[in-house]
Every structure is written in structure tokens, then in C-alpha cells.
Amino acid sequence: MRIYETIFILDPSLDDHTIQKEIKKVEDLITNLKGRIIKTEKWGTRRLAYPIRKKLQGYYTLIYFEGEGNLLTELERAYKLNESCLRYLTVVSEQKAEVIKKEEEQKAEVSPSK
């Protein structure tokens, strides 16, 4: 399995509940297609470099995940069909994800087991 990172920008006019629901849809799609989410970073609302669909801001979310090639085609299809998604980009991220994995493992070792 390869390690990828996907970033997508959602319409900022959506309410918080809807934004969280859209993020959950992407996470569920990844896990349903036998992918594994490594980390999700919600960057929040930020100013866009240029207007997209007459919007000057967007809600950014970055997800690191492991998966197979067919997962990417389905993920891209889902982004295209989602009218709330302004832009998206998915790339292979070998080095960054390895660092994140190590950080997560260190946190797990430090936190007490229940």
C-alpha cells in the first residue's frame, strides 16, 4: 500500500455540522475502500489565493492515508460529484507520512494503556 495525502477545500458558507459531515464522508470512503487513515488535519477557514466560484475563502482539510490505486479514482470521483468541494488534490507522500507514523507511535508509547 502506498501512502497518500489529500487536501480538499469546502465551501465556507456551509455550517459546522455540514462541514464535519462532508469530512466524515471522505474518511468513510477511504476506509470502505480498504484504506487506512493515518491522520486528519482540519485547518479551518482560510483565504483563497484567488476566487473560486466567487468565493474568497474556503475550509481546508488535509488527510494522510494508505491505500491502493483504485481508491484514488473513487476519491476523485466523489470530489467531482460533491458540489460543496471547491478544489482537491491527492499526491503520494512517502516521507511526510513516515514522520507522522513515527509521531503517532511515540504518542501511543507515552500515553498510559488502559
Protein backbone atom coordinates (compact mmCIF):
# COMPACT_ATOMS: atom_id res chain seq x y z
CA MET A 1 0.00 0.00 0.00
CA ARG A 2 1.21 3.48 -0.80
CA ILE A 3 0.89 6.48 1.45
CA TYR A 4 -1.01 9.48 0.10
CA GLU A 5 -2.12 12.88 1.24
CA THR A 6 -5.28 14.52 0.04
CA ILE A 7 -6.27 18.10 0.67
CA PHE A 8 -9.67 19.47 -0.19
CA ILE A 9 -11.36 22.85 0.15
CA LEU A 10 -15.01 23.02 1.13
CA ASP A 11 -17.45 25.87 0.67
CA PRO A 12 -17.11 28.09 3.78
CA SER A 13 -20.79 29.09 3.71
CA LEU A 14 -21.69 25.59 5.00
CA ASP A 15 -22.50 25.30 8.69
CA ASP A 16 -20.07 23.45 11.01
CA HIS A 17 -22.22 20.33 11.20
CA THR A 18 -22.34 20.00 7.40
CA ILE A 19 -18.59 20.57 7.08
CA GLN A 20 -17.90 17.82 9.62
CA LYS A 21 -20.33 15.56 7.75
CA GLU A 22 -18.50 16.16 4.45
CA ILE A 23 -15.13 15.39 6.07
CA LYS A 24 -16.60 12.22 7.58
CA LYS A 25 -17.86 11.18 4.11
CA VAL A 26 -14.33 11.37 2.71
CA GLU A 27 -12.89 9.45 5.68
CA ASP A 28 -15.60 6.78 5.36
CA LEU A 29 -14.95 6.44 1.63
CA ILE A 30 -11.25 5.85 2.30
CA THR A 31 -11.89 3.22 4.98
CA ASN A 32 -14.67 1.50 2.98
CA LEU A 33 -12.27 1.03 0.06
CA LYS A 34 -9.75 -0.76 2.30
CA GLY A 35 -7.67 2.32 3.00
CA ARG A 36 -6.33 3.32 6.41
CA ILE A 37 -6.41 6.89 7.66
CA ILE A 38 -3.15 7.92 9.31
CA LYS A 39 -4.03 11.47 10.32
CA THR A 40 -6.66 14.13 9.63
CA GLU A 41 -5.80 17.81 9.97
CA LYS A 42 -8.63 20.33 9.91
CA TRP A 43 -7.02 23.63 9.04
CA GLY A 44 -10.24 25.61 9.14
CA THR A 45 -11.36 28.57 7.07
CA ARG A 46 -8.62 30.36 5.17
CA ARG A 47 -8.41 32.98 2.46
CA LEU A 48 -8.05 31.61 -1.07
CA ALA A 49 -5.25 32.83 -3.33
CA TYR A 50 -7.83 33.63 -6.00
CA PRO A 51 -11.66 33.48 -6.14
CA ILE A 52 -13.17 30.04 -6.81
CA ARG A 53 -16.87 30.05 -7.75
CA LYS A 54 -16.99 33.64 -6.46
CA LYS A 55 -15.78 32.52 -3.01
CA LEU A 56 -12.84 34.28 -1.35
CA GLN A 57 -12.45 31.77 1.50
CA GLY A 58 -12.58 28.00 1.91
CA TYR A 59 -12.48 25.36 4.65
CA TYR A 60 -9.25 23.34 4.27
CA THR A 61 -8.83 19.71 5.36
CA LEU A 62 -5.74 17.52 4.94
CA ILE A 63 -5.89 13.71 5.29
CA TYR A 64 -2.92 11.34 5.26
CA PHE A 65 -3.89 7.77 4.35
CA GLU A 66 -2.68 4.44 2.99
CA GLY A 67 -4.45 2.80 0.08
CA GLU A 68 -4.39 1.16 -3.33
CA GLY A 69 -4.66 2.82 -6.75
CA ASN A 70 -8.38 2.15 -7.22
CA LEU A 71 -9.07 4.17 -4.07
CA LEU A 72 -7.74 7.30 -5.77
CA THR A 73 -10.10 7.04 -8.73
CA GLU A 74 -13.10 6.63 -6.43
CA LEU A 75 -11.92 9.50 -4.21
CA GLU A 76 -11.53 11.79 -7.21
CA ARG A 77 -14.98 10.78 -8.47
CA ALA A 78 -16.50 11.60 -5.08
CA TYR A 79 -14.81 15.03 -5.04
CA LYS A 80 -16.11 15.82 -8.53
CA LEU A 81 -19.68 14.87 -7.59
CA ASN A 82 -19.63 16.87 -4.35
CA GLU A 83 -20.87 20.40 -5.04
CA SER A 84 -19.54 21.59 -1.66
CA CYS A 85 -15.96 20.76 -2.68
CA LEU A 86 -14.28 23.76 -4.32
CA ARG A 87 -10.87 22.16 -5.01
CA TYR A 88 -8.96 18.99 -4.19
CA LEU A 89 -5.52 17.47 -4.67
CA THR A 90 -4.20 13.99 -3.87
CA VAL A 91 -0.49 13.15 -4.06
CA VAL A 92 1.89 10.38 -3.00
CA SER A 93 3.53 11.38 0.28
CA GLU A 94 6.19 8.89 1.29
CA GLN A 95 8.47 10.95 3.56
CA LYS A 96 5.90 13.12 5.36
CA ALA A 97 3.64 10.20 6.22
CA GLU A 98 6.53 8.18 7.65
CA VAL A 99 7.32 11.06 10.01
CA ILE A 100 3.65 11.24 11.04
CA LYS A 101 3.55 7.48 11.67
CA LYS A 102 6.57 7.75 13.96
CA GLU A 103 4.99 10.69 15.84
CA GLU A 104 1.77 8.72 16.33
CA GLU A 105 3.71 5.68 17.57
CA GLN A 106 5.64 7.85 20.04
CA LYS A 107 2.39 9.37 21.35
CA ALA A 108 0.95 5.88 21.81
CA GLU A 109 4.03 4.80 23.79
CA VAL A 110 3.90 7.89 26.03
CA SER A 111 0.17 7.70 26.77
CA PRO A 112 -0.74 5.19 29.50
CA SER A 113 -2.53 1.98 28.43
CA LYS A 114 -5.98 1.28 29.79
